[in-house]
């Protein structure tokens, strides 16, 4: 059994997992921000009261 190669492989797997977790957190934060902005836009008091008929 090649201990140094096993150690390197385990370290690379751990690094890949940490990167995946960090990326997932970033995606979740971005999705939450988008959802918050969408809710603010939907709850806007003047939304839908006028129609722009100019073309």
C-alpha atoms as a PDB file:
ATOM      1  CA  UNK A   1       0.000   0.000   0.000  1.00  0.00           C
ATOM      2  CA  UNK A   2       1.376   3.407  -0.996  1.00  0.00           C
ATOM      3  CA  UNK A   3       0.755   5.622   2.062  1.00  0.00           C
ATOM      4  CA  UNK A   4       1.929   8.940   0.529  1.00  0.00           C
ATOM      5  CA  UNK A   5      -0.280   8.463  -2.542  1.00  0.00           C
ATOM      6  CA  UNK A   6      -3.227   7.545  -0.322  1.00  0.00           C
ATOM      7  CA  UNK A   7      -2.627  10.666   1.778  1.00  0.00           C
ATOM      8  CA  UNK A   8      -2.553  12.880  -1.309  1.00  0.00           C
ATOM      9  CA  UNK A   9      -5.728  11.291  -2.669  1.00  0.00           C
ATOM     10  CA  UNK A  10      -7.526  11.769   0.645  1.00  0.00           C
ATOM     11  CA  UNK A  11      -6.423  15.397   0.812  1.00  0.00           C
ATOM     12  CA  UNK A  12      -7.630  16.031  -2.751  1.00  0.00           C
ATOM     13  CA  UNK A  13     -10.991  14.428  -1.964  1.00  0.00           C
ATOM     14  CA  UNK A  14     -11.331  16.567   1.151  1.00  0.00           C
ATOM     15  CA  UNK A  15     -10.461  19.713  -0.777  1.00  0.00           C
ATOM     16  CA  UNK A  16     -12.971  18.871  -3.505  1.00  0.00           C
ATOM     17  CA  UNK A  17     -15.669  18.340  -0.895  1.00  0.00           C
ATOM     18  CA  UNK A  18     -14.863  21.665   0.792  1.00  0.00           C
ATOM     19  CA  UNK A  19     -15.037  23.462  -2.546  1.00  0.00           C
ATOM     20  CA  UNK A  20     -18.386  21.807  -3.322  1.00  0.00           C
ATOM     21  CA  UNK A  21     -19.806  22.886   0.041  1.00  0.00           C
ATOM     22  CA  UNK A  22     -18.575  26.468  -0.405  1.00  0.00           C
ATOM     23  CA  UNK A  23     -20.032  26.650  -3.904  1.00  0.00           C
ATOM     24  CA  UNK A  24     -23.362  25.249  -2.712  1.00  0.00           C
ATOM     25  CA  UNK A  25     -23.517  27.858   0.064  1.00  0.00           C
ATOM     26  CA  UNK A  26     -22.833  30.627  -2.446  1.00  0.00           C
ATOM     27  CA  UNK A  27     -25.573  29.357  -4.771  1.00  0.00           C
ATOM     28  CA  UNK A  28     -28.005  29.159  -1.862  1.00  0.00           C
ATOM     29  CA  UNK A  29     -27.161  32.721  -0.774  1.00  0.00           C
ATOM     30  CA  UNK A  30     -27.706  33.998  -4.304  1.00  0.00           C
ATOM     31  CA  UNK A  31     -31.034  32.152  -4.576  1.00  0.00           C
ATOM     32  CA  UNK A  32     -32.170  33.634  -1.257  1.00  0.00           C
ATOM     33  CA  UNK A  33     -31.266  37.144  -2.405  1.00  0.00           C
ATOM     34  CA  UNK A  34     -33.179  36.625  -5.653  1.00  0.00           C
ATOM     35  CA  UNK A  35     -36.213  35.333  -3.756  1.00  0.00           C
ATOM     36  CA  UNK A  36     -36.111  38.298  -1.369  1.00  0.00           C
ATOM     37  CA  UNK A  37     -35.918  40.752  -4.267  1.00  0.00           C
ATOM     38  CA  UNK A  38     -38.785  39.012  -6.051  1.00  0.00           C
ATOM     39  CA  UNK A  39     -40.953  39.179  -2.941  1.00  0.00           C
ATOM     40  CA  UNK A  40     -40.190  42.878  -2.518  1.00  0.00           C
ATOM     41  CA  UNK A  41     -41.112  43.496  -6.144  1.00  0.00           C
ATOM     42  CA  UNK A  42     -44.372  41.529  -5.851  1.00  0.00           C
ATOM     43  CA  UNK A  43     -45.367  43.352  -2.659  1.00  0.00           C
ATOM     44  CA  UNK A  44     -44.765  46.795  -4.180  1.00  0.00           C
ATOM     45  CA  UNK A  45     -47.915  48.902  -3.520  1.00  0.00           C
ATOM     46  CA  UNK A  46     -48.180  50.398  -7.024  1.00  0.00           C
ATOM     47  CA  UNK A  47     -47.403  47.242  -8.967  1.00  0.00           C
ATOM     48  CA  UNK A  48     -50.072  46.484 -11.559  1.00  0.00           C
ATOM     49  CA  UNK A  49     -52.021  49.736 -11.177  1.00  0.00           C
ATOM     50  CA  UNK A  50     -51.029  51.178 -14.548  1.00  0.00           C
ATOM     51  CA  UNK A  51     -50.653  49.800 -18.023  1.00  0.00           C
ATOM     52  CA  UNK A  52     -48.159  51.222 -20.510  1.00  0.00           C
ATOM     53  CA  UNK A  53     -49.904  51.118 -23.890  1.00  0.00           C
ATOM     54  CA  UNK A  54     -47.234  53.045 -25.835  1.00  0.00           C
ATOM     55  CA  UNK A  55     -45.486  51.074 -28.487  1.00  0.00           C
END
